Amino acid sequence: MSEISQIVELTDKAIDHIAEIFAKENKGLDYGLRLGVVGGGCSGLNYSIDFGQVKDNDNIIEFSSFKVFIDPKSSIYLKGVTLDYKDGLNGKGLVFVNPNAKNTCGCGESFSV
């Protein structure tokens, strides 16, 4: 696993998958993977993941083939989270594993702390 500024960890499978997406999308060097937390969902908070450009005060973490941007507010909620890539019979995709979540919804996309 690769540690991201002691905020979030990415598994090797997640890193490989994200690098593959960046290669296919052909985004410019000023784009990165933006991880965040926004209000909403049945448990109160939702994870967000998207391509984006760096914003003022972002935490910037560089990998060999992509960058990760995390805004300061989201950093509080993402501390200790692992981003993994799952592929199996029940679906595939990037998954947030949050040991700090007190409640999560059935779909796993929202949480509360």
PDB file of N, CA and C in Angstrom:
ATOM      1  N   MET A   1       0.835  -1.192   0.000  1.00  0.00           N
ATOM      2  CA  MET A   1       0.000   0.000   0.000  1.00  0.00           C
ATOM      3  C   MET A   1       0.873   1.246   0.000  1.00  0.00           C
ATOM      4  N   SER A   2       0.384   2.270  -0.619  1.00  0.00           N
ATOM      5  CA  SER A   2       1.096   3.538  -0.634  1.00  0.00           C
ATOM      6  C   SER A   2       0.368   4.528   0.252  1.00  0.00           C
ATOM      7  N   GLU A   3       1.084   5.170   1.130  1.00  0.00           N
ATOM      8  CA  GLU A   3       0.478   6.114   2.057  1.00  0.00           C
ATOM      9  C   GLU A   3       0.441   7.497   1.445  1.00  0.00           C
ATOM     10  N   ILE A   4      -0.693   8.173   1.582  1.00  0.00           N
ATOM     11  CA  ILE A   4      -0.873   9.513   1.033  1.00  0.00           C
ATOM     12  C   ILE A   4      -0.836  10.501   2.185  1.00  0.00           C
ATOM     13  N   SER A   5       0.323  11.085   2.423  1.00  0.00           N
ATOM     14  CA  SER A   5       0.473  12.111   3.452  1.00  0.00           C
ATOM     15  C   SER A   5      -0.212  11.740   4.760  1.00  0.00           C
ATOM     16  N   GLN A   6      -0.261  10.474   5.081  1.00  0.00           N
ATOM     17  CA  GLN A   6      -0.891   9.989   6.294  1.00  0.00           C
ATOM     18  C   GLN A   6      -2.341  10.425   6.406  1.00  0.00           C
ATOM     19  N   ILE A   7      -2.982  10.742   5.306  1.00  0.00           N
ATOM     20  CA  ILE A   7      -4.410  11.048   5.293  1.00  0.00           C
ATOM     21  C   ILE A   7      -5.160   9.822   4.798  1.00  0.00           C
ATOM     22  N   VAL A   8      -4.836   9.374   3.600  1.00  0.00           N
ATOM     23  CA  VAL A   8      -5.515   8.261   2.941  1.00  0.00           C
ATOM     24  C   VAL A   8      -4.460   7.290   2.432  1.00  0.00           C
ATOM     25  N   GLU A   9      -4.807   6.016   2.449  1.00  0.00           N
ATOM     26  CA  GLU A   9      -3.935   5.013   1.839  1.00  0.00           C
ATOM     27  C   GLU A   9      -4.599   4.499   0.571  1.00  0.00           C
ATOM     28  N   LEU A  10      -3.813   4.216  -0.435  1.00  0.00           N
ATOM     29  CA  LEU A  10      -4.280   3.575  -1.665  1.00  0.00           C
ATOM     30  C   LEU A  10      -3.640   2.203  -1.753  1.00  0.00           C
ATOM     31  N   THR A  11      -4.457   1.196  -2.035  1.00  0.00           N
ATOM     32  CA  THR A  11      -3.890  -0.134  -2.231  1.00  0.00           C
ATOM     33  C   THR A  11      -3.194  -0.167  -3.590  1.00  0.00           C
ATOM     34  N   ASP A  12      -2.358  -1.140  -3.784  1.00  0.00           N
ATOM     35  CA  ASP A  12      -1.669  -1.286  -5.070  1.00  0.00           C
ATOM     36  C   ASP A  12      -2.673  -1.476  -6.199  1.00  0.00           C
ATOM     37  N   LYS A  13      -3.759  -2.220  -5.948  1.00  0.00           N
ATOM     38  CA  LYS A  13      -4.783  -2.420  -6.976  1.00  0.00           C
ATOM     39  C   LYS A  13      -5.446  -1.096  -7.333  1.00  0.00           C
ATOM     40  N   ALA A  14      -5.700  -0.251  -6.350  1.00  0.00           N
ATOM     41  CA  ALA A  14      -6.304   1.060  -6.618  1.00  0.00           C
ATOM     42  C   ALA A  14      -5.348   1.926  -7.428  1.00  0.00           C
ATOM     43  N   ILE A  15      -4.086   1.936  -7.067  1.00  0.00           N
ATOM     44  CA  ILE A  15      -3.089   2.727  -7.791  1.00  0.00           C
ATOM     45  C   ILE A  15      -3.020   2.278  -9.247  1.00  0.00           C
ATOM     46  N   ASP A  16      -2.965   0.964  -9.469  1.00  0.00           N
ATOM     47  CA  ASP A  16      -2.896   0.441 -10.841  1.00  0.00           C
ATOM     48  C   ASP A  16      -4.140   0.831 -11.640  1.00  0.00           C
ATOM     49  N   HIS A  17      -5.306   0.714 -11.028  1.00  0.00           N
ATOM     50  CA  HIS A  17      -6.552   1.035 -11.725  1.00  0.00           C
ATOM     51  C   HIS A  17      -6.640   2.521 -12.051  1.00  0.00           C
ATOM     52  N   ILE A  18      -6.286   3.368 -11.111  1.00  0.00           N
ATOM     53  CA  ILE A  18      -6.334   4.815 -11.337  1.00  0.00           C
ATOM     54  C   ILE A  18      -5.346   5.212 -12.430  1.00  0.00           C
ATOM     55  N   ALA A  19      -4.147   4.644 -12.403  1.00  0.00           N
ATOM     56  CA  ALA A  19      -3.148   4.934 -13.439  1.00  0.00           C
ATOM     57  C   ALA A  19      -3.672   4.528 -14.820  1.00  0.00           C
ATOM     58  N   GLU A  20      -4.368   3.405 -14.880  1.00  0.00           N
ATOM     59  CA  GLU A  20      -4.945   2.943 -16.143  1.00  0.00           C
ATOM     60  C   GLU A  20      -6.015   3.930 -16.644  1.00  0.00           C
ATOM     61  N   ILE A  21      -6.840   4.420 -15.745  1.00  0.00           N
ATOM     62  CA  ILE A  21      -7.872   5.397 -16.125  1.00  0.00           C
ATOM     63  C   ILE A  21      -7.230   6.678 -16.637  1.00  0.00           C
ATOM     64  N   PHE A  22      -6.211   7.164 -15.934  1.00  0.00           N
ATOM     65  CA  PHE A  22      -5.532   8.382 -16.372  1.00  0.00           C
ATOM     66  C   PHE A  22      -4.920   8.207 -17.757  1.00  0.00           C
ATOM     67  N   ALA A  23      -4.367   7.048 -18.031  1.00  0.00           N
ATOM     68  CA  ALA A  23      -3.776   6.789 -19.347  1.00  0.00           C
ATOM     69  C   ALA A  23      -4.855   6.811 -20.432  1.00  0.00           C
ATOM     70  N   LYS A  24      -6.018   6.226 -20.153  1.00  0.00           N
ATOM     71  CA  LYS A  24      -7.112   6.195 -21.126  1.00  0.00           C
ATOM     72  C   LYS A  24      -7.736   7.574 -21.324  1.00  0.00           C
ATOM     73  N   GLU A  25      -7.900   8.323 -20.249  1.00  0.00           N
ATOM     74  CA  GLU A  25      -8.567   9.626 -20.315  1.00  0.00           C
ATOM     75  C   GLU A  25      -7.680  10.702 -20.934  1.00  0.00           C
ATOM     76  N   ASN A  26      -6.374  10.492 -20.904  1.00  0.00           N
ATOM     77  CA  ASN A  26      -5.423  11.436 -21.476  1.00  0.00           C
ATOM     78  C   ASN A  26      -5.612  12.863 -20.935  1.00  0.00           C
ATOM     79  N   LYS A  27      -5.770  12.970 -19.621  1.00  0.00           N
ATOM     80  CA  LYS A  27      -5.904  14.279 -18.976  1.00  0.00           C
ATOM     81  C   LYS A  27      -4.546  14.971 -18.971  1.00  0.00           C
ATOM     82  N   GLY A  28      -4.569  16.284 -18.937  1.00  0.00           N
ATOM     83  CA  GLY A  28      -3.334  17.057 -18.909  1.00  0.00           C
ATOM     84  C   GLY A  28      -2.617  16.923 -17.572  1.00  0.00           C
ATOM     85  N   LEU A  29      -1.399  17.428 -17.524  1.00  0.00           N
ATOM     86  CA  LEU A  29      -0.583  17.329 -16.317  1.00  0.00           C
ATOM     87  C   LEU A  29      -1.147  18.129 -15.147  1.00  0.00           C
ATOM     88  N   ASP A  30      -2.049  19.077 -15.427  1.00  0.00           N
ATOM     89  CA  ASP A  30      -2.611  19.886 -14.348  1.00  0.00           C
ATOM     90  C   ASP A  30      -3.851  19.235 -13.733  1.00  0.00           C
ATOM     91  N   TYR A  31      -4.233  18.040 -14.195  1.00  0.00           N
ATOM     92  CA  TYR A  31      -5.376  17.324 -13.635  1.00  0.00           C
ATOM     93  C   TYR A  31      -4.898  16.252 -12.673  1.00  0.00           C
ATOM     94  N   GLY A  32      -5.762  15.948 -11.710  1.00  0.00           N
ATOM     95  CA  GLY A  32      -5.476  14.893 -10.769  1.00  0.00           C
ATOM     96  C   GLY A  32      -6.757  14.230 -10.328  1.00  0.00           C
ATOM     97  N   LEU A  33      -6.633  13.247  -9.471  1.00  0.00           N
ATOM     98  CA  LEU A  33      -7.782  12.573  -8.894  1.00  0.00           C
ATOM     99  C   LEU A  33      -8.164  13.335  -7.630  1.00  0.00           C
ATOM    100  N   ARG A  34      -9.366  13.876  -7.597  1.00  0.00           N
ATOM    101  CA  ARG A  34      -9.835  14.648  -6.445  1.00  0.00           C
ATOM    102  C   ARG A  34     -10.681  13.744  -5.562  1.00  0.00           C
ATOM    103  N   LEU A  35     -10.228  13.552  -4.309  1.00  0.00           N
ATOM    104  CA  LEU A  35     -10.977  12.810  -3.309  1.00  0.00           C
ATOM    105  C   LEU A  35     -11.589  13.812  -2.349  1.00  0.00           C
ATOM    106  N   GLY A  36     -12.836  13.581  -1.954  1.00  0.00           N
ATOM    107  CA  GLY A  36     -13.475  14.516  -1.050  1.00  0.00           C
ATOM    108  C   GLY A  36     -14.639  13.900  -0.303  1.00  0.00           C
ATOM    109  N   VAL A  37     -15.219  14.715   0.554  1.00  0.00           N
ATOM    110  CA  VAL A  37     -16.402  14.352   1.326  1.00  0.00           C
ATOM    111  C   VAL A  37     -17.371  15.518   1.215  1.00  0.00           C
ATOM    112  N   VAL A  38     -18.629  15.209   0.913  1.00  0.00           N
ATOM    113  CA  VAL A  38     -19.667  16.227   0.802  1.00  0.00           C
ATOM    114  C   VAL A  38     -20.868  15.805   1.644  1.00  0.00           C
ATOM    115  N   GLY A  39     -21.648  16.782   2.073  1.00  0.00           N
ATOM    116  CA  GLY A  39     -22.848  16.494   2.833  1.00  0.00           C
ATOM    117  C   GLY A  39     -23.885  15.836   1.952  1.00  0.00           C
ATOM    118  N   GLY A  40     -24.645  14.897   2.536  1.00  0.00           N
ATOM    119  CA  GLY A  40     -25.716  14.238   1.806  1.00  0.00           C
ATOM    120  C   GLY A  40     -25.751  12.754   2.080  1.00  0.00           C
ATOM    121  N   GLY A  41     -26.652  12.084   1.411  1.00  0.00           N
ATOM    122  CA  GLY A  41     -26.782  10.642   1.586  1.00  0.00           C
ATOM    123  C   GLY A  41     -27.582  10.292   2.824  1.00  0.00           C
ATOM    124  N   CYS A  42     -27.938   9.050   2.943  1.00  0.00           N
ATOM    125  CA  CYS A  42     -28.790   8.632   4.055  1.00  0.00           C
ATOM    126  C   CYS A  42     -28.059   8.611   5.395  1.00  0.00           C
ATOM    127  N   SER A  43     -26.735   8.607   5.386  1.00  0.00           N
ATOM    128  CA  SER A  43     -25.975   8.624   6.646  1.00  0.00           C
ATOM    129  C   SER A  43     -25.359   9.981   6.951  1.00  0.00           C
ATOM    130  N   GLY A  44     -25.536  10.969   6.070  1.00  0.00           N
ATOM    131  CA  GLY A  44     -25.082  12.327   6.366  1.00  0.00           C
ATOM    132  C   GLY A  44     -23.927  12.845   5.546  1.00  0.00           C
ATOM    133  N   LEU A  45     -22.993  11.969   5.150  1.00  0.00           N
ATOM    134  CA  LEU A  45     -21.828  12.381   4.369  1.00  0.00           C
ATOM    135  C   LEU A  45     -21.624  11.414   3.209  1.00  0.00           C
ATOM    136  N   ASN A  46     -21.214  11.945   2.076  1.00  0.00           N
ATOM    137  CA  ASN A  46     -20.911  11.125   0.897  1.00  0.00           C
ATOM    138  C   ASN A  46     -19.459  11.301   0.494  1.00  0.00           C
ATOM    139  N   TYR A  47     -18.859  10.223   0.004  1.00  0.00           N
ATOM    140  CA  TYR A  47     -17.535  10.311  -0.597  1.00  0.00           C
ATOM    141  C   TYR A  47     -17.693  10.889  -1.997  1.00  0.00           C
ATOM    142  N   SER A  48     -16.697  11.641  -2.430  1.00  0.00           N
ATOM    143  CA  SER A  48     -16.687  12.101  -3.820  1.00  0.00           C
ATOM    144  C   SER A  48     -15.329  11.773  -4.423  1.00  0.00           C
ATOM    145  N   ILE A  49     -15.362  11.435  -5.695  1.00  0.00           N
ATOM    146  CA  ILE A  49     -14.144  11.109  -6.418  1.00  0.00           C
ATOM    147  C   ILE A  49     -14.340  11.557  -7.858  1.00  0.00           C
ATOM    148  N   ASP A  50     -13.392  12.309  -8.366  1.00  0.00           N
ATOM    149  CA  ASP A  50     -13.547  12.887  -9.696  1.00  0.00           C
ATOM    150  C   ASP A  50     -12.186  13.347 -10.201  1.00  0.00           C
ATOM    151  N   PHE A  51     -12.121  13.661 -11.480  1.00  0.00           N
ATOM    152  CA  PHE A  51     -10.955  14.339 -12.019  1.00  0.00           C
ATOM    153  C   PHE A  51     -11.106  15.821 -11.727  1.00  0.00           C
ATOM    154  N   GLY A  52     -10.010  16.494 -11.468  1.00  0.00           N
ATOM    155  CA  GLY A  52     -10.088  17.926 -11.246  1.00  0.00           C
ATOM    156  C   GLY A  52      -8.721  18.565 -11.265  1.00  0.00           C
ATOM    157  N   GLN A  53      -8.741  19.873 -11.212  1.00  0.00           N
ATOM    158  CA  GLN A  53      -7.508  20.639 -11.139  1.00  0.00           C
ATOM    159  C   GLN A  53      -7.257  21.036  -9.698  1.00  0.00           C
ATOM    160  N   VAL A  54      -6.016  21.321  -9.396  1.00  0.00           N
ATOM    161  CA  VAL A  54      -5.646  21.693  -8.042  1.00  0.00           C
ATOM    162  C   VAL A  54      -6.314  23.010  -7.664  1.00  0.00           C
ATOM    163  N   LYS A  55      -6.711  23.103  -6.396  1.00  0.00           N
ATOM    164  CA  LYS A  55      -7.307  24.328  -5.849  1.00  0.00           C
ATOM    165  C   LYS A  55      -6.423  24.815  -4.710  1.00  0.00           C
ATOM    166  N   ASP A  56      -6.598  26.084  -4.353  1.00  0.00           N
ATOM    167  CA  ASP A  56      -5.830  26.650  -3.248  1.00  0.00           C
ATOM    168  C   ASP A  56      -5.973  25.785  -2.001  1.00  0.00           C
ATOM    169  N   ASN A  57      -4.888  25.585  -1.297  1.00  0.00           N
ATOM    170  CA  ASN A  57      -4.812  24.853  -0.032  1.00  0.00           C
ATOM    171  C   ASN A  57      -5.031  23.347  -0.136  1.00  0.00           C
ATOM    172  N   ASP A  58      -5.125  22.791  -1.355  1.00  0.00           N
ATOM    173  CA  ASP A  58      -5.251  21.343  -1.496  1.00  0.00           C
ATOM    174  C   ASP A  58      -4.009  20.638  -0.978  1.00  0.00           C
ATOM    175  N   ASN A  59      -4.210  19.460  -0.423  1.00  0.00           N
ATOM    176  CA  ASN A  59      -3.106  18.537  -0.183  1.00  0.00           C
ATOM    177  C   ASN A  59      -2.845  17.865  -1.518  1.00  0.00           C
ATOM    178  N   ILE A  60      -1.606  17.875  -1.964  1.00  0.00           N
ATOM    179  CA  ILE A  60      -1.253  17.297  -3.264  1.00  0.00           C
ATOM    180  C   ILE A  60      -0.287  16.148  -3.031  1.00  0.00           C
ATOM    181  N   ILE A  61      -0.672  14.994  -3.541  1.00  0.00           N
ATOM    182  CA  ILE A  61       0.161  13.817  -3.408  1.00  0.00           C
ATOM    183  C   ILE A  61       0.477  13.310  -4.810  1.00  0.00           C
ATOM    184  N   GLU A  62       1.748  13.141  -5.114  1.00  0.00           N
ATOM    185  CA  GLU A  62       2.154  12.741  -6.460  1.00  0.00           C
ATOM    186  C   GLU A  62       2.551  11.279  -6.506  1.00  0.00           C
ATOM    187  N   PHE A  63       1.970  10.583  -7.480  1.00  0.00           N
ATOM    188  CA  PHE A  63       2.373   9.230  -7.802  1.00  0.00           C
ATOM    189  C   PHE A  63       3.106   9.293  -9.132  1.00  0.00           C
ATOM    190  N   SER A  64       3.638   8.190  -9.596  1.00  0.00           N
ATOM    191  CA  SER A  64       4.423   8.213 -10.828  1.00  0.00           C
ATOM    192  C   SER A  64       3.594   8.618 -12.039  1.00  0.00           C
ATOM    193  N   SER A  65       2.303   8.267 -12.072  1.00  0.00           N
ATOM    194  CA  SER A  65       1.508   8.560 -13.262  1.00  0.00           C
ATOM    195  C   SER A  65       0.271   9.432 -13.001  1.00  0.00           C
ATOM    196  N   PHE A  66       0.072   9.867 -11.766  1.00  0.00           N
ATOM    197  CA  PHE A  66      -1.058  10.746 -11.469  1.00  0.00           C
ATOM    198  C   PHE A  66      -0.842  11.439 -10.126  1.00  0.00           C
ATOM    199  N   LYS A  67      -1.678  12.461  -9.873  1.00  0.00           N
ATOM    200  CA  LYS A  67      -1.673  13.192  -8.608  1.00  0.00           C
ATOM    201  C   LYS A  67      -3.019  13.014  -7.928  1.00  0.00           C
ATOM    202  N   VAL A  68      -3.031  13.128  -6.609  1.00  0.00           N
ATOM    203  CA  VAL A  68      -4.261  13.093  -5.829  1.00  0.00           C
ATOM    204  C   VAL A  68      -4.393  14.432  -5.126  1.00  0.00           C
ATOM    205  N   PHE A  69      -5.588  15.032  -5.219  1.00  0.00           N
ATOM    206  CA  PHE A  69      -5.878  16.299  -4.548  1.00  0.00           C
ATOM    207  C   PHE A  69      -6.941  16.053  -3.479  1.00  0.00           C
ATOM    208  N   ILE A  70      -6.691  16.569  -2.272  1.00  0.00           N
ATOM    209  CA  ILE A  70      -7.659  16.462  -1.176  1.00  0.00           C
ATOM    210  C   ILE A  70      -7.765  17.830  -0.524  1.00  0.00           C
ATOM    211  N   ASP A  71      -8.984  18.371  -0.477  1.00  0.00           N
ATOM    212  CA  ASP A  71      -9.154  19.679   0.152  1.00  0.00           C
ATOM    213  C   ASP A  71      -9.030  19.541   1.672  1.00  0.00           C
ATOM    214  N   PRO A  72      -8.656  20.627   2.363  1.00  0.00           N
ATOM    215  CA  PRO A  72      -8.412  20.552   3.813  1.00  0.00           C
ATOM    216  C   PRO A  72      -9.606  20.052   4.617  1.00  0.00           C
ATOM    217  N   LYS A  73     -10.819  20.470   4.274  1.00  0.00           N
ATOM    218  CA  LYS A  73     -12.008  20.036   5.027  1.00  0.00           C
ATOM    219  C   LYS A  73     -12.222  18.531   4.881  1.00  0.00           C
ATOM    220  N   SER A  74     -12.079  18.021   3.671  1.00  0.00           N
ATOM    221  CA  SER A  74     -12.260  16.583   3.441  1.00  0.00           C
ATOM    222  C   SER A  74     -11.165  15.775   4.136  1.00  0.00           C
ATOM    223  N   SER A  75      -9.982  16.357   4.274  1.00  0.00           N
ATOM    224  CA  SER A  75      -8.867  15.656   4.921  1.00  0.00           C
ATOM    225  C   SER A  75      -9.231  15.195   6.319  1.00  0.00           C
ATOM    226  N   ILE A  76     -10.037  15.981   7.009  1.00  0.00           N
ATOM    227  CA  ILE A  76     -10.456  15.635   8.372  1.00  0.00           C
ATOM    228  C   ILE A  76     -11.243  14.324   8.367  1.00  0.00           C
ATOM    229  N   TYR A  77     -12.165  14.185   7.411  1.00  0.00           N
ATOM    230  CA  TYR A  77     -13.024  13.008   7.343  1.00  0.00           C
ATOM    231  C   TYR A  77     -12.348  11.807   6.685  1.00  0.00           C
ATOM    232  N   LEU A  78     -11.339  12.059   5.857  1.00  0.00           N
ATOM    233  CA  LEU A  78     -10.680  10.977   5.125  1.00  0.00           C
ATOM    234  C   LEU A  78      -9.469  10.402   5.853  1.00  0.00           C
ATOM    235  N   LYS A  79      -9.076  11.006   6.960  1.00  0.00           N
ATOM    236  CA  LYS A  79      -7.903  10.523   7.691  1.00  0.00           C
ATOM    237  C   LYS A  79      -8.123   9.068   8.126  1.00  0.00           C
ATOM    238  N   GLY A  80      -7.209   8.212   7.725  1.00  0.00           N
ATOM    239  CA  GLY A  80      -7.283   6.799   8.086  1.00  0.00           C
ATOM    240  C   GLY A  80      -8.041   5.929   7.097  1.00  0.00           C
ATOM    241  N   VAL A  81      -8.598   6.531   6.052  1.00  0.00           N
ATOM    242  CA  VAL A  81      -9.366   5.800   5.046  1.00  0.00           C
ATOM    243  C   VAL A  81      -8.423   5.124   4.052  1.00  0.00           C
ATOM    244  N   THR A  82      -8.817   3.963   3.575  1.00  0.00           N
ATOM    245  CA  THR A  82      -8.095   3.258   2.523  1.00  0.00           C
ATOM    246  C   THR A  82      -8.965   3.247   1.275  1.00  0.00           C
ATOM    247  N   LEU A  83      -8.383   3.623   0.147  1.00  0.00           N
ATOM    248  CA  LEU A  83      -9.066   3.533  -1.133  1.00  0.00           C
ATOM    249  C   LEU A  83      -8.576   2.262  -1.812  1.00  0.00           C
ATOM    250  N   ASP A  84      -9.513   1.368  -2.096  1.00  0.00           N
ATOM    251  CA  ASP A  84      -9.178   0.077  -2.670  1.00  0.00           C
ATOM    252  C   ASP A  84      -9.931  -0.085  -3.990  1.00  0.00           C
ATOM    253  N   TYR A  85      -9.498  -1.041  -4.793  1.00  0.00           N
ATOM    254  CA  TYR A  85     -10.203  -1.380  -6.015  1.00  0.00           C
ATOM    255  C   TYR A  85     -10.675  -2.818  -5.888  1.00  0.00           C
ATOM    256  N   LYS A  86     -11.980  -3.019  -6.006  1.00  0.00           N
ATOM    257  CA  LYS A  86     -12.576  -4.356  -5.905  1.00  0.00           C
ATOM    258  C   LYS A  86     -13.097  -4.767  -7.268  1.00  0.00           C
ATOM    259  N   ASP A  87     -12.884  -6.014  -7.605  1.00  0.00           N
ATOM    260  CA  ASP A  87     -13.485  -6.558  -8.815  1.00  0.00           C
ATOM    261  C   ASP A  87     -13.941  -7.972  -8.496  1.00  0.00           C
ATOM    262  N   GLY A  88     -15.214  -8.183  -8.658  1.00  0.00           N
ATOM    263  CA  GLY A  88     -15.768  -9.488  -8.335  1.00  0.00           C
ATOM    264  C   GLY A  88     -17.178  -9.623  -8.861  1.00  0.00           C
ATOM    265  N   LEU A  89     -17.848 -10.660  -8.443  1.00  0.00           N
ATOM    266  CA  LEU A  89     -19.196 -10.943  -8.909  1.00  0.00           C
ATOM    267  C   LEU A  89     -20.200  -9.877  -8.478  1.00  0.00           C
ATOM    268  N   ASN A  90     -19.941  -9.219  -7.369  1.00  0.00           N
ATOM    269  CA  ASN A  90     -20.865  -8.204  -6.856  1.00  0.00           C
ATOM    270  C   ASN A  90     -20.577  -6.821  -7.406  1.00  0.00           C
ATOM    271  N   GLY A  91     -19.770  -6.730  -8.421  1.00  0.00           N
ATOM    272  CA  GLY A  91     -19.453  -5.436  -9.015  1.00  0.00           C
ATOM    273  C   GLY A  91     -17.988  -5.110  -8.862  1.00  0.00           C
ATOM    274  N   LYS A  92     -17.609  -4.021  -9.522  1.00  0.00           N
ATOM    275  CA  LYS A  92     -16.226  -3.614  -9.408  1.00  0.00           C
ATOM    276  C   LYS A  92     -16.153  -2.104  -9.346  1.00  0.00           C
ATOM    277  N   GLY A  93     -15.058  -1.613  -8.793  1.00  0.00           N
ATOM    278  CA  GLY A  93     -14.857  -0.181  -8.708  1.00  0.00           C
ATOM    279  C   GLY A  93     -14.014   0.192  -7.512  1.00  0.00           C
ATOM    280  N   LEU A  94     -13.784   1.491  -7.387  1.00  0.00           N
ATOM    281  CA  LEU A  94     -13.025   2.006  -6.259  1.00  0.00           C
ATOM    282  C   LEU A  94     -13.930   2.052  -5.033  1.00  0.00           C
ATOM    283  N   VAL A  95     -13.386   1.622  -3.896  1.00  0.00           N
ATOM    284  CA  VAL A  95     -14.156   1.503  -2.669  1.00  0.00           C
ATOM    285  C   VAL A  95     -13.408   2.213  -1.542  1.00  0.00           C
ATOM    286  N   PHE A  96     -14.127   3.044  -0.786  1.00  0.00           N
ATOM    287  CA  PHE A  96     -13.569   3.692   0.393  1.00  0.00           C
ATOM    288  C   PHE A  96     -13.790   2.774   1.588  1.00  0.00           C
ATOM    289  N   VAL A  97     -12.716   2.430   2.295  1.00  0.00           N
ATOM    290  CA  VAL A  97     -12.797   1.625   3.511  1.00  0.00           C
ATOM    291  C   VAL A  97     -12.469   2.565   4.666  1.00  0.00           C
ATOM    292  N   ASN A  98     -13.486   2.870   5.479  1.00  0.00           N
ATOM    293  CA  ASN A  98     -13.345   3.883   6.520  1.00  0.00           C
ATOM    294  C   ASN A  98     -13.531   3.282   7.907  1.00  0.00           C
ATOM    295  N   PRO A  99     -12.428   3.056   8.634  1.00  0.00           N
ATOM    296  CA  PRO A  99     -12.552   2.490   9.980  1.00  0.00           C
ATOM    297  C   PRO A  99     -13.142   3.478  10.987  1.00  0.00           C
ATOM    298  N   ASN A 100     -13.233   4.751  10.641  1.00  0.00           N
ATOM    299  CA  ASN A 100     -13.763   5.769  11.546  1.00  0.00           C
ATOM    300  C   ASN A 100     -15.265   5.963  11.411  1.00  0.00           C
ATOM    301  N   ALA A 101     -15.885   5.357  10.415  1.00  0.00           N
ATOM    302  CA  ALA A 101     -17.316   5.541  10.192  1.00  0.00           C
ATOM    303  C   ALA A 101     -18.111   4.865  11.299  1.00  0.00           C
ATOM    304  N   LYS A 102     -19.022   5.617  11.907  1.00  0.00           N
ATOM    305  CA  LYS A 102     -19.897   5.069  12.950  1.00  0.00           C
ATOM    306  C   LYS A 102     -21.099   4.376  12.325  1.00  0.00           C
ATOM    307  N   ASN A 103     -21.599   4.935  11.228  1.00  0.00           N
ATOM    308  CA  ASN A 103     -22.726   4.365  10.500  1.00  0.00           C
ATOM    309  C   ASN A 103     -22.435   4.453   9.014  1.00  0.00           C
ATOM    310  N   THR A 104     -22.890   3.455   8.271  1.00  0.00           N
ATOM    311  CA  THR A 104     -22.807   3.505   6.815  1.00  0.00           C
ATOM    312  C   THR A 104     -24.148   3.041   6.269  1.00  0.00           C
ATOM    313  N   CYS A 105     -24.460   3.463   5.063  1.00  0.00           N
ATOM    314  CA  CYS A 105     -25.698   3.006   4.438  1.00  0.00           C
ATOM    315  C   CYS A 105     -25.418   1.683   3.731  1.00  0.00           C
ATOM    316  N   GLY A 106     -26.457   1.046   3.266  1.00  0.00           N
ATOM    317  CA  GLY A 106     -26.328  -0.248   2.618  1.00  0.00           C
ATOM    318  C   GLY A 106     -25.479  -0.223   1.362  1.00  0.00           C
ATOM    319  N   CYS A 107     -25.508   0.887   0.635  1.00  0.00           N
ATOM    320  CA  CYS A 107     -24.754   0.949  -0.618  1.00  0.00           C
ATOM    321  C   CYS A 107     -23.271   1.252  -0.369  1.00  0.00           C
ATOM    322  N   GLY A 108     -22.919   1.714   0.830  1.00  0.00           N
ATOM    323  CA  GLY A 108     -21.531   2.001   1.160  1.00  0.00           C
ATOM    324  C   GLY A 108     -21.036   3.335   0.660  1.00  0.00           C
ATOM    325  N   GLU A 109     -21.918   4.161   0.117  1.00  0.00           N
ATOM    326  CA  GLU A 109     -21.499   5.447  -0.425  1.00  0.00           C
ATOM    327  C   GLU A 109     -21.681   6.607   0.545  1.00  0.00           C
ATOM    328  N   SER A 110     -22.405   6.390   1.643  1.00  0.00           N
ATOM    329  CA  SER A 110     -22.522   7.470   2.618  1.00  0.00           C
ATOM    330  C   SER A 110     -22.183   6.929   3.998  1.00  0.00           C
ATOM    331  N   PHE A 111     -21.800   7.850   4.886  1.00  0.00           N
ATOM    332  CA  PHE A 111     -21.336   7.450   6.216  1.00  0.00           C
ATOM    333  C   PHE A 111     -21.548   8.590   7.197  1.00  0.00           C
ATOM    334  N   SER A 112     -21.374   8.295   8.473  1.00  0.00           N
ATOM    335  CA  SER A 112     -21.340   9.343   9.502  1.00  0.00           C
ATOM    336  C   SER A 112     -20.218   9.012  10.466  1.00  0.00           C
ATOM    337  N   VAL A 113     -19.697  10.057  11.107  1.00  0.00           N
ATOM    338  CA  VAL A 113     -18.605   9.873  12.079  1.00  0.00           C
ATOM    339  C   VAL A 113     -19.007  10.388  13.432  1.00  0.00           C
TER     340      VAL A 113
END
